[in-house]
Amino acid sequence: AAHPERSYIFWTYTLETYRRILAICDFEIETVRDDTYRAFSPLAV
């Protein structure tokens, strides 16, 4: 409620949640890669 500007962001899951959702759909996780990417933010220095 303190951040109405984030009205378009709903849910974040653990990897295990994704694993189970995908398994229900007959998929299995093959690879996982963590990385960082450049994004613009007016709050960034």
ModelCIF file with pLDDT and N, C-alpha, C, O atoms, coordinates in Angstrom:
data_MODEL
#
_entry.id   MODEL 
#
_entity.id                         1 
_entity.type                       polymer 
_entity.pdbx_number_of_molecules   1 
#
_entity_poly.entity_id                      1 
_entity_poly.type                           'polypeptide(L)' 
_entity_poly.nstd_linkage                   no 
_entity_poly.nstd_monomer                   no 
_entity_poly.pdbx_seq_one_letter_code       AAHPERSYIFWTYTLETYRRILAICDFEIETVRDDTYRAFSPLAV 
_entity_poly.pdbx_seq_one_letter_code_can   AAHPERSYIFWTYTLETYRRILAICDFEIETVRDDTYRAFSPLAV 
_entity_poly.pdbx_strand_id                 A 
#
loop_
_entity_poly_seq.entity_id 
_entity_poly_seq.num 
_entity_poly_seq.mon_id 
_entity_poly_seq.hetero 
1 1  ALA n 
1 2  ALA n 
1 3  HIS n 
1 4  PRO n 
1 5  GLU n 
1 6  ARG n 
1 7  SER n 
1 8  TYR n 
1 9  ILE n 
1 10 PHE n 
1 11 TRP n 
1 12 THR n 
1 13 TYR n 
1 14 THR n 
1 15 LEU n 
1 16 GLU n 
1 17 THR n 
1 18 TYR n 
1 19 ARG n 
1 20 ARG n 
1 21 ILE n 
1 22 LEU n 
1 23 ALA n 
1 24 ILE n 
1 25 CYS n 
1 26 ASP n 
1 27 PHE n 
1 28 GLU n 
1 29 ILE n 
1 30 GLU n 
1 31 THR n 
1 32 VAL n 
1 33 ARG n 
1 34 ASP n 
1 35 ASP n 
1 36 THR n 
1 37 TYR n 
1 38 ARG n 
1 39 ALA n 
1 40 PHE n 
1 41 SER n 
1 42 PRO n 
1 43 LEU n 
1 44 ALA n 
1 45 VAL n 
#
_struct_asym.id          A 
_struct_asym.entity_id   1 
#
loop_
_ma_qa_metric.id 
_ma_qa_metric.mode 
_ma_qa_metric.name 
_ma_qa_metric.software_group_id 
_ma_qa_metric.type 
1 global pLDDT . pLDDT 
2 local  pLDDT . pLDDT 
#
_ma_qa_metric_global.metric_id      1 
_ma_qa_metric_global.metric_value   92.78 
_ma_qa_metric_global.model_id       1 
_ma_qa_metric_global.ordinal_id     1 
#
loop_
_ma_qa_metric_local.label_asym_id 
_ma_qa_metric_local.label_comp_id 
_ma_qa_metric_local.label_seq_id 
_ma_qa_metric_local.metric_id 
_ma_qa_metric_local.metric_value 
_ma_qa_metric_local.model_id 
_ma_qa_metric_local.ordinal_id 
A ALA 1  2 97.00 1 1  
A ALA 2  2 97.00 1 2  
A HIS 3  2 96.00 1 3  
A PRO 4  2 96.00 1 4  
A GLU 5  2 93.00 1 5  
A ARG 6  2 94.00 1 6  
A SER 7  2 97.00 1 7  
A TYR 8  2 96.00 1 8  
A ILE 9  2 96.00 1 9  
A PHE 10 2 97.00 1 10 
A TRP 11 2 97.00 1 11 
A THR 12 2 97.00 1 12 
A TYR 13 2 98.00 1 13 
A THR 14 2 98.00 1 14 
A LEU 15 2 98.00 1 15 
A GLU 16 2 98.00 1 16 
A THR 17 2 98.00 1 17 
A TYR 18 2 98.00 1 18 
A ARG 19 2 98.00 1 19 
A ARG 20 2 98.00 1 20 
A ILE 21 2 98.00 1 21 
A LEU 22 2 98.00 1 22 
A ALA 23 2 98.00 1 23 
A ILE 24 2 98.00 1 24 
A CYS 25 2 98.00 1 25 
A ASP 26 2 98.00 1 26 
A PHE 27 2 98.00 1 27 
A GLU 28 2 98.00 1 28 
A ILE 29 2 98.00 1 29 
A GLU 30 2 98.00 1 30 
A THR 31 2 98.00 1 31 
A VAL 32 2 98.00 1 32 
A ARG 33 2 97.00 1 33 
A ASP 34 2 97.00 1 34 
A ASP 35 2 97.00 1 35 
A THR 36 2 97.00 1 36 
A TYR 37 2 97.00 1 37 
A ARG 38 2 94.00 1 38 
A ALA 39 2 94.00 1 39 
A PHE 40 2 88.00 1 40 
A SER 41 2 76.00 1 41 
A PRO 42 2 62.00 1 42 
A LEU 43 2 56.00 1 43 
A ALA 44 2 53.00 1 44 
A VAL 45 2 54.00 1 45 
#
loop_
_atom_site.group_PDB 
_atom_site.id 
_atom_site.type_symbol 
_atom_site.label_atom_id 
_atom_site.label_alt_id 
_atom_site.label_comp_id 
_atom_site.label_asym_id 
_atom_site.label_entity_id 
_atom_site.label_seq_id 
_atom_site.pdbx_PDB_ins_code 
_atom_site.Cartn_x 
_atom_site.Cartn_y 
_atom_site.Cartn_z 
_atom_site.occupancy 
_atom_site.B_iso_or_equiv 
_atom_site.pdbx_formal_charge 
_atom_site.auth_seq_id 
_atom_site.auth_comp_id 
_atom_site.auth_asym_id 
_atom_site.auth_atom_id 
_atom_site.pdbx_PDB_model_num 
ATOM 1   N N  . ALA A 1 1  ? 0.813  -1.219  0.000   1.00 97.00 ? 1  ALA A N  1 
ATOM 2   C CA . ALA A 1 1  ? 0.000  0.000   0.000   1.00 97.00 ? 1  ALA A CA 1 
ATOM 3   C C  . ALA A 1 1  ? 0.844  1.266   0.000   1.00 97.00 ? 1  ALA A C  1 
ATOM 4   O O  . ALA A 1 1  ? 0.368  2.322   -0.417  1.00 97.00 ? 1  ALA A O  1 
ATOM 5   N N  . ALA A 1 2  ? 2.088  1.179   0.460   1.00 97.00 ? 2  ALA A N  1 
ATOM 6   C CA . ALA A 1 2  ? 2.967  2.347   0.502   1.00 97.00 ? 2  ALA A CA 1 
ATOM 7   C C  . ALA A 1 2  ? 3.592  2.647   -0.864  1.00 97.00 ? 2  ALA A C  1 
ATOM 8   O O  . ALA A 1 2  ? 4.240  3.680   -1.035  1.00 97.00 ? 2  ALA A O  1 
ATOM 9   N N  . HIS A 1 3  ? 3.401  1.753   -1.829  1.00 96.00 ? 3  HIS A N  1 
ATOM 10  C CA . HIS A 1 3  ? 4.046  1.932   -3.140  1.00 96.00 ? 3  HIS A CA 1 
ATOM 11  C C  . HIS A 1 3  ? 3.039  1.747   -4.278  1.00 96.00 ? 3  HIS A C  1 
ATOM 12  O O  . HIS A 1 3  ? 3.086  0.742   -4.988  1.00 96.00 ? 3  HIS A O  1 
ATOM 13  N N  . PRO A 1 4  ? 2.146  2.692   -4.454  1.00 96.00 ? 4  PRO A N  1 
ATOM 14  C CA . PRO A 1 4  ? 1.164  2.580   -5.552  1.00 96.00 ? 4  PRO A CA 1 
ATOM 15  C C  . PRO A 1 4  ? 1.807  2.640   -6.932  1.00 96.00 ? 4  PRO A C  1 
ATOM 16  O O  . PRO A 1 4  ? 1.201  2.217   -7.916  1.00 96.00 ? 4  PRO A O  1 
ATOM 17  N N  . GLU A 1 5  ? 3.035  3.164   -7.015  1.00 93.00 ? 5  GLU A N  1 
ATOM 18  C CA . GLU A 1 5  ? 3.721  3.226   -8.311  1.00 93.00 ? 5  GLU A CA 1 
ATOM 19  C C  . GLU A 1 5  ? 4.134  1.841   -8.797  1.00 93.00 ? 5  GLU A C  1 
ATOM 20  O O  . GLU A 1 5  ? 4.534  1.690   -9.952  1.00 93.00 ? 5  GLU A O  1 
ATOM 21  N N  . ARG A 1 6  ? 4.043  0.835   -7.941  1.00 94.00 ? 6  ARG A N  1 
ATOM 22  C CA . ARG A 1 6  ? 4.387  -0.536  -8.325  1.00 94.00 ? 6  ARG A CA 1 
ATOM 23  C C  . ARG A 1 6  ? 3.132  -1.380  -8.549  1.00 94.00 ? 6  ARG A C  1 
ATOM 24  O O  . ARG A 1 6  ? 3.118  -2.577  -8.262  1.00 94.00 ? 6  ARG A O  1 
ATOM 25  N N  . SER A 1 7  ? 2.105  -0.758  -9.052  1.00 97.00 ? 7  SER A N  1 
ATOM 26  C CA . SER A 1 7  ? 0.818  -1.434  -9.208  1.00 97.00 ? 7  SER A CA 1 
ATOM 27  C C  . SER A 1 7  ? 0.839  -2.529  -10.266 1.00 97.00 ? 7  SER A C  1 
ATOM 28  O O  . SER A 1 7  ? -0.121 -3.292  -10.379 1.00 97.00 ? 7  SER A O  1 
ATOM 29  N N  . TYR A 1 8  ? 1.914  -2.622  -11.041 1.00 96.00 ? 8  TYR A N  1 
ATOM 30  C CA . TYR A 1 8  ? 1.986  -3.577  -12.151 1.00 96.00 ? 8  TYR A CA 1 
ATOM 31  C C  . TYR A 1 8  ? 2.888  -4.767  -11.834 1.00 96.00 ? 8  TYR A C  1 
ATOM 32  O O  . TYR A 1 8  ? 3.220  -5.536  -12.735 1.00 96.00 ? 8  TYR A O  1 
ATOM 33  N N  . ILE A 1 9  ? 3.289  -4.935  -10.583 1.00 96.00 ? 9  ILE A N  1 
ATOM 34  C CA . ILE A 1 9  ? 4.155  -6.061  -10.194 1.00 96.00 ? 9  ILE A CA 1 
ATOM 35  C C  . ILE A 1 9  ? 3.401  -6.894  -9.159  1.00 96.00 ? 9  ILE A C  1 
ATOM 36  O O  . ILE A 1 9  ? 3.049  -6.393  -8.091  1.00 96.00 ? 9  ILE A O  1 
ATOM 37  N N  . PHE A 1 10 ? 3.155  -8.161  -9.476  1.00 97.00 ? 10 PHE A N  1 
ATOM 38  C CA . PHE A 1 10 ? 2.291  -8.988  -8.639  1.00 97.00 ? 10 PHE A CA 1 
ATOM 39  C C  . PHE A 1 10 ? 3.053  -10.026 -7.807  1.00 97.00 ? 10 PHE A C  1 
ATOM 40  O O  . PHE A 1 10 ? 3.097  -9.937  -6.580  1.00 97.00 ? 10 PHE A O  1 
ATOM 41  N N  . TRP A 1 11 ? 3.649  -11.006 -8.483  1.00 97.00 ? 11 TRP A N  1 
ATOM 42  C CA . TRP A 1 11 ? 4.180  -12.169 -7.786  1.00 97.00 ? 11 TRP A CA 1 
ATOM 43  C C  . TRP A 1 11 ? 5.636  -12.462 -8.159  1.00 97.00 ? 11 TRP A C  1 
ATOM 44  O O  . TRP A 1 11 ? 6.068  -12.227 -9.288  1.00 97.00 ? 11 TRP A O  1 
ATOM 45  N N  . THR A 1 12 ? 6.375  -12.982 -7.177  1.00 97.00 ? 12 THR A N  1 
ATOM 46  C CA . THR A 1 12 ? 7.702  -13.548 -7.421  1.00 97.00 ? 12 THR A CA 1 
ATOM 47  C C  . THR A 1 12 ? 7.733  -14.928 -6.776  1.00 97.00 ? 12 THR A C  1 
ATOM 48  O O  . THR A 1 12 ? 7.242  -15.116 -5.663  1.00 97.00 ? 12 THR A O  1 
ATOM 49  N N  . TYR A 1 13 ? 8.319  -15.897 -7.490  1.00 98.00 ? 13 TYR A N  1 
ATOM 50  C CA . TYR A 1 13 ? 8.341  -17.277 -7.026  1.00 98.00 ? 13 TYR A CA 1 
ATOM 51  C C  . TYR A 1 13 ? 9.753  -17.744 -6.717  1.00 98.00 ? 13 TYR A C  1 
ATOM 52  O O  . TYR A 1 13 ? 10.734 -17.139 -7.152  1.00 98.00 ? 13 TYR A O  1 
ATOM 53  N N  . THR A 1 14 ? 9.840  -18.822 -5.962  1.00 98.00 ? 14 THR A N  1 
ATOM 54  C CA . THR A 1 14 ? 11.105 -19.542 -5.833  1.00 98.00 ? 14 THR A CA 1 
ATOM 55  C C  . THR A 1 14 ? 11.302 -20.415 -7.069  1.00 98.00 ? 14 THR A C  1 
ATOM 56  O O  . THR A 1 14 ? 10.366 -20.652 -7.833  1.00 98.00 ? 14 THR A O  1 
ATOM 57  N N  . LEU A 1 15 ? 12.528 -20.886 -7.252  1.00 98.00 ? 15 LEU A N  1 
ATOM 58  C CA . LEU A 1 15 ? 12.808 -21.773 -8.370  1.00 98.00 ? 15 LEU A CA 1 
ATOM 59  C C  . LEU A 1 15 ? 12.000 -23.071 -8.242  1.00 98.00 ? 15 LEU A C  1 
ATOM 60  O O  . LEU A 1 15 ? 11.548 -23.629 -9.242  1.00 98.00 ? 15 LEU A O  1 
ATOM 61  N N  . GLU A 1 16 ? 11.825 -23.537 -7.018  1.00 98.00 ? 16 GLU A N  1 
ATOM 62  C CA . GLU A 1 16 ? 11.059 -24.771 -6.810  1.00 98.00 ? 16 GLU A CA 1 
ATOM 63  C C  . GLU A 1 16 ? 9.602  -24.596 -7.237  1.00 98.00 ? 16 GLU A C  1 
ATOM 64  O O  . GLU A 1 16 ? 8.988  -25.534 -7.744  1.00 98.00 ? 16 GLU A O  1 
ATOM 65  N N  . THR A 1 17 ? 9.047  -23.398 -7.035  1.00 98.00 ? 17 THR A N  1 
ATOM 66  C CA . THR A 1 17 ? 7.682  -23.146 -7.499  1.00 98.00 ? 17 THR A CA 1 
ATOM 67  C C  . THR A 1 17 ? 7.615  -23.271 -9.011  1.00 98.00 ? 17 THR A C  1 
ATOM 68  O O  . THR A 1 17 ? 6.706  -23.903 -9.550  1.00 98.00 ? 17 THR A O  1 
ATOM 69  N N  . TYR A 1 18 ? 8.586  -22.662 -9.697  1.00 98.00 ? 18 TYR A N  1 
ATOM 70  C CA . TYR A 1 18 ? 8.620  -22.782 -11.157 1.00 98.00 ? 18 TYR A CA 1 
ATOM 71  C C  . TYR A 1 18 ? 8.798  -24.237 -11.575 1.00 98.00 ? 18 TYR A C  1 
ATOM 72  O O  . TYR A 1 18 ? 8.192  -24.690 -12.545 1.00 98.00 ? 18 TYR A O  1 
ATOM 73  N N  . ARG A 1 19 ? 9.621  -24.954 -10.845 1.00 98.00 ? 19 ARG A N  1 
ATOM 74  C CA . ARG A 1 19 ? 9.865  -26.354 -11.187 1.00 98.00 ? 19 ARG A CA 1 
ATOM 75  C C  . ARG A 1 19 ? 8.549  -27.141 -11.153 1.00 98.00 ? 19 ARG A C  1 
ATOM 76  O O  . ARG A 1 19 ? 8.283  -27.964 -12.029 1.00 98.00 ? 19 ARG A O  1 
ATOM 77  N N  . ARG A 1 20 ? 7.742  -26.877 -10.137 1.00 98.00 ? 20 ARG A N  1 
ATOM 78  C CA . ARG A 1 20 ? 6.490  -27.625 -9.988  1.00 98.00 ? 20 ARG A CA 1 
ATOM 79  C C  . ARG A 1 20 ? 5.443  -27.185 -11.014 1.00 98.00 ? 20 ARG A C  1 
ATOM 80  O O  . ARG A 1 20 ? 4.718  -28.017 -11.561 1.00 98.00 ? 20 ARG A O  1 
ATOM 81  N N  . ILE A 1 21 ? 5.368  -25.880 -11.273 1.00 98.00 ? 21 ILE A N  1 
ATOM 82  C CA . ILE A 1 21 ? 4.428  -25.400 -12.288 1.00 98.00 ? 21 ILE A CA 1 
ATOM 83  C C  . ILE A 1 21 ? 4.759  -26.008 -13.641 1.00 98.00 ? 21 ILE A C  1 
ATOM 84  O O  . ILE A 1 21 ? 3.878  -26.503 -14.343 1.00 98.00 ? 21 ILE A O  1 
ATOM 85  N N  . LEU A 1 22 ? 6.034  -25.966 -14.000 1.00 98.00 ? 22 LEU A N  1 
ATOM 86  C CA . LEU A 1 22 ? 6.462  -26.493 -15.288 1.00 98.00 ? 22 LEU A CA 1 
ATOM 87  C C  . LEU A 1 22 ? 6.247  -27.999 -15.378 1.00 98.00 ? 22 LEU A C  1 
ATOM 88  O O  . LEU A 1 22 ? 5.883  -28.505 -16.439 1.00 98.00 ? 22 LEU A O  1 
ATOM 89  N N  . ALA A 1 23 ? 6.466  -28.722 -14.281 1.00 98.00 ? 23 ALA A N  1 
ATOM 90  C CA . ALA A 1 23 ? 6.253  -30.170 -14.277 1.00 98.00 ? 23 ALA A CA 1 
ATOM 91  C C  . ALA A 1 23 ? 4.785  -30.503 -14.530 1.00 98.00 ? 23 ALA A C  1 
ATOM 92  O O  . ALA A 1 23 ? 4.473  -31.473 -15.220 1.00 98.00 ? 23 ALA A O  1 
ATOM 93  N N  . ILE A 1 24 ? 3.895  -29.704 -13.975 1.00 98.00 ? 24 ILE A N  1 
ATOM 94  C CA . ILE A 1 24 ? 2.465  -29.899 -14.211 1.00 98.00 ? 24 ILE A CA 1 
ATOM 95  C C  . ILE A 1 24 ? 2.147  -29.789 -15.697 1.00 98.00 ? 24 ILE A C  1 
ATOM 96  O O  . ILE A 1 24 ? 1.250  -30.459 -16.208 1.00 98.00 ? 24 ILE A O  1 
ATOM 97  N N  . CYS A 1 25 ? 2.906  -28.925 -16.382 1.00 98.00 ? 25 CYS A N  1 
ATOM 98  C CA . CYS A 1 25 ? 2.699  -28.702 -17.825 1.00 98.00 ? 25 CYS A CA 1 
ATOM 99  C C  . CYS A 1 25 ? 3.549  -29.629 -18.687 1.00 98.00 ? 25 CYS A C  1 
ATOM 100 O O  . CYS A 1 25 ? 3.642  -29.438 -19.900 1.00 98.00 ? 25 CYS A O  1 
ATOM 101 N N  . ASP A 1 26 ? 4.178  -30.649 -18.057 1.00 98.00 ? 26 ASP A N  1 
ATOM 102 C CA . ASP A 1 26 ? 4.997  -31.643 -18.759 1.00 98.00 ? 26 ASP A CA 1 
ATOM 103 C C  . ASP A 1 26 ? 6.330  -31.065 -19.239 1.00 98.00 ? 26 ASP A C  1 
ATOM 104 O O  . ASP A 1 26 ? 6.827  -31.442 -20.299 1.00 98.00 ? 26 ASP A O  1 
ATOM 105 N N  . PHE A 1 27 ? 6.902  -30.153 -18.458 1.00 98.00 ? 27 PHE A N  1 
ATOM 106 C CA . PHE A 1 27 ? 8.230  -29.610 -18.750 1.00 98.00 ? 27 PHE A CA 1 
ATOM 107 C C  . PHE A 1 27 ? 9.137  -29.833 -17.540 1.00 98.00 ? 27 PHE A C  1 
ATOM 108 O O  . PHE A 1 27 ? 8.670  -29.871 -16.402 1.00 98.00 ? 27 PHE A O  1 
ATOM 109 N N  . GLU A 1 28 ? 10.430 -29.979 -17.799 1.00 98.00 ? 28 GLU A N  1 
ATOM 110 C CA . GLU A 1 28 ? 11.391 -30.050 -16.715 1.00 98.00 ? 28 GLU A CA 1 
ATOM 111 C C  . GLU A 1 28 ? 12.478 -29.004 -16.942 1.00 98.00 ? 28 GLU A C  1 
ATOM 112 O O  . GLU A 1 28 ? 12.853 -28.717 -18.079 1.00 98.00 ? 28 GLU A O  1 
ATOM 113 N N  . ILE A 1 29 ? 12.983 -28.434 -15.834 1.00 98.00 ? 29 ILE A N  1 
ATOM 114 C CA . ILE A 1 29 ? 14.005 -27.401 -15.941 1.00 98.00 ? 29 ILE A CA 1 
ATOM 115 C C  . ILE A 1 29 ? 15.317 -28.017 -16.399 1.00 98.00 ? 29 ILE A C  1 
ATOM 116 O O  . ILE A 1 29 ? 15.809 -28.987 -15.821 1.00 98.00 ? 29 ILE A O  1 
ATOM 117 N N  . GLU A 1 30 ? 15.862 -27.436 -17.437 1.00 98.00 ? 30 GLU A N  1 
ATOM 118 C CA . GLU A 1 30 ? 17.102 -27.932 -18.046 1.00 98.00 ? 30 GLU A CA 1 
ATOM 119 C C  . GLU A 1 30 ? 18.310 -27.151 -17.544 1.00 98.00 ? 30 GLU A C  1 
ATOM 120 O O  . GLU A 1 30 ? 19.314 -27.745 -17.153 1.00 98.00 ? 30 GLU A O  1 
ATOM 121 N N  . THR A 1 31 ? 18.218 -25.818 -17.553 1.00 98.00 ? 31 THR A N  1 
ATOM 122 C CA . THR A 1 31 ? 19.308 -24.968 -17.059 1.00 98.00 ? 31 THR A CA 1 
ATOM 123 C C  . THR A 1 31 ? 18.735 -23.768 -16.333 1.00 98.00 ? 31 THR A C  1 
ATOM 124 O O  . THR A 1 31 ? 17.603 -23.350 -16.577 1.00 98.00 ? 31 THR A O  1 
ATOM 125 N N  . VAL A 1 32 ? 19.544 -23.224 -15.430 1.00 98.00 ? 32 VAL A N  1 
ATOM 126 C CA . VAL A 1 32 ? 19.198 -21.996 -14.702 1.00 98.00 ? 32 VAL A CA 1 
ATOM 127 C C  . VAL A 1 32 ? 20.424 -21.101 -14.721 1.00 98.00 ? 32 VAL A C  1 
ATOM 128 O O  . VAL A 1 32 ? 21.531 -21.551 -14.427 1.00 98.00 ? 32 VAL A O  1 
ATOM 129 N N  . ARG A 1 33 ? 20.231 -19.840 -15.066 1.00 97.00 ? 33 ARG A N  1 
ATOM 130 C CA . ARG A 1 33 ? 21.348 -18.899 -15.143 1.00 97.00 ? 33 ARG A CA 1 
ATOM 131 C C  . ARG A 1 33 ? 20.973 -17.617 -14.409 1.00 97.00 ? 33 ARG A C  1 
ATOM 132 O O  . ARG A 1 33 ? 19.948 -17.007 -14.710 1.00 97.00 ? 33 ARG A O  1 
ATOM 133 N N  . ASP A 1 34 ? 21.795 -17.207 -13.449 1.00 97.00 ? 34 ASP A N  1 
ATOM 134 C CA . ASP A 1 34 ? 21.625 -15.933 -12.750 1.00 97.00 ? 34 ASP A CA 1 
ATOM 135 C C  . ASP A 1 34 ? 22.608 -14.917 -13.309 1.00 97.00 ? 34 ASP A C  1 
ATOM 136 O O  . ASP A 1 34 ? 23.786 -15.221 -13.501 1.00 97.00 ? 34 ASP A O  1 
ATOM 137 N N  . ASP A 1 35 ? 22.120 -13.712 -13.568 1.00 97.00 ? 35 ASP A N  1 
ATOM 138 C CA . ASP A 1 35 ? 22.984 -12.689 -14.142 1.00 97.00 ? 35 ASP A CA 1 
ATOM 139 C C  . ASP A 1 35 ? 22.413 -11.315 -13.813 1.00 97.00 ? 35 ASP A C  1 
ATOM 140 O O  . ASP A 1 35 ? 21.362 -11.211 -13.180 1.00 97.00 ? 35 ASP A O  1 
ATOM 141 N N  . THR A 1 36 ? 23.103 -10.263 -14.241 1.00 97.00 ? 36 THR A N  1 
ATOM 142 C CA . THR A 1 36 ? 22.611 -8.903  -14.074 1.00 97.00 ? 36 THR A CA 1 
ATOM 143 C C  . THR A 1 36 ? 22.566 -8.215  -15.435 1.00 97.00 ? 36 THR A C  1 
ATOM 144 O O  . THR A 1 36 ? 23.368 -8.502  -16.324 1.00 97.00 ? 36 THR A O  1 
ATOM 145 N N  . TYR A 1 37 ? 21.601 -7.296  -15.574 1.00 97.00 ? 37 TYR A N  1 
ATOM 146 C CA . TYR A 1 37 ? 21.396 -6.603  -16.838 1.00 97.00 ? 37 TYR A CA 1 
ATOM 147 C C  . TYR A 1 37 ? 21.166 -5.123  -16.578 1.00 97.00 ? 37 TYR A C  1 
ATOM 148 O O  . TYR A 1 37 ? 20.679 -4.728  -15.518 1.00 97.00 ? 37 TYR A O  1 
ATOM 149 N N  . ARG A 1 38 ? 21.525 -4.317  -17.564 1.00 94.00 ? 38 ARG A N  1 
ATOM 150 C CA . ARG A 1 38 ? 21.430 -2.867  -17.411 1.00 94.00 ? 38 ARG A CA 1 
ATOM 151 C C  . ARG A 1 38 ? 19.986 -2.394  -17.588 1.00 94.00 ? 38 ARG A C  1 
ATOM 152 O O  . ARG A 1 38 ? 19.335 -2.687  -18.592 1.00 94.00 ? 38 ARG A O  1 
ATOM 153 N N  . ALA A 1 39 ? 19.504 -1.655  -16.587 1.00 94.00 ? 39 ALA A N  1 
ATOM 154 C CA . ALA A 1 39 ? 18.162 -1.079  -16.638 1.00 94.00 ? 39 ALA A CA 1 
ATOM 155 C C  . ALA A 1 39 ? 18.235 0.374   -16.218 1.00 94.00 ? 39 ALA A C  1 
ATOM 156 O O  . ALA A 1 39 ? 19.047 0.746   -15.370 1.00 94.00 ? 39 ALA A O  1 
ATOM 157 N N  . PHE A 1 40 ? 17.385 1.191   -16.813 1.00 88.00 ? 40 PHE A N  1 
ATOM 158 C CA . PHE A 1 40 ? 17.375 2.620   -16.484 1.00 88.00 ? 40 PHE A CA 1 
ATOM 159 C C  . PHE A 1 40 ? 16.414 2.881   -15.340 1.00 88.00 ? 40 PHE A C  1 
ATOM 160 O O  . PHE A 1 40 ? 15.298 2.361   -15.319 1.00 88.00 ? 40 PHE A O  1 
ATOM 161 N N  . SER A 1 41 ? 16.858 3.694   -14.388 1.00 76.00 ? 41 SER A N  1 
ATOM 162 C CA . SER A 1 41 ? 16.012 4.097   -13.276 1.00 76.00 ? 41 SER A CA 1 
ATOM 163 C C  . SER A 1 41 ? 16.345 5.529   -12.902 1.00 76.00 ? 41 SER A C  1 
ATOM 164 O O  . SER A 1 41 ? 17.519 5.860   -12.742 1.00 76.00 ? 41 SER A O  1 
ATOM 165 N N  . PRO A 1 42 ? 15.339 6.392   -12.756 1.00 62.00 ? 42 PRO A N  1 
ATOM 166 C CA . PRO A 1 42 ? 15.611 7.773   -12.349 1.00 62.00 ? 42 PRO A CA 1 
ATOM 167 C C  . PRO A 1 42 ? 16.205 7.868   -10.949 1.00 62.00 ? 42 PRO A C  1 
ATOM 168 O O  . PRO A 1 42 ? 16.728 8.912   -10.561 1.00 62.00 ? 42 PRO A O  1 
ATOM 169 N N  . LEU A 1 43 ? 16.121 6.767   -10.186 1.00 56.00 ? 43 LEU A N  1 
ATOM 170 C CA . LEU A 1 43 ? 16.667 6.760   -8.830  1.00 56.00 ? 43 LEU A CA 1 
ATOM 171 C C  . LEU A 1 43 ? 18.125 6.322   -8.794  1.00 56.00 ? 43 LEU A C  1 
ATOM 172 O O  . LEU A 1 43 ? 18.791 6.443   -7.766  1.00 56.00 ? 43 LEU A O  1 
ATOM 173 N N  . ALA A 1 44 ? 18.618 5.813   -9.924  1.00 53.00 ? 44 ALA A N  1 
ATOM 174 C CA . ALA A 1 44 ? 20.009 5.349   -9.965  1.00 53.00 ? 44 ALA A CA 1 
ATOM 175 C C  . ALA A 1 44 ? 20.967 6.539   -9.999  1.00 53.00 ? 44 ALA A C  1 
ATOM 176 O O  . ALA A 1 44 ? 20.626 7.616   -10.487 1.00 53.00 ? 44 ALA A O  1 
ATOM 177 N N  . VAL A 1 45 ? 22.153 6.322   -9.478  1.00 54.00 ? 45 VAL A N  1 
ATOM 178 C CA . VAL A 1 45 ? 23.149 7.389   -9.439  1.00 54.00 ? 45 VAL A CA 1 
ATOM 179 C C  . VAL A 1 45 ? 23.794 7.552   -10.815 1.00 54.00 ? 45 VAL A C  1 
ATOM 180 O O  . VAL A 1 45 ? 24.663 8.405   -10.992 1.00 54.00 ? 45 VAL A O  1 
#
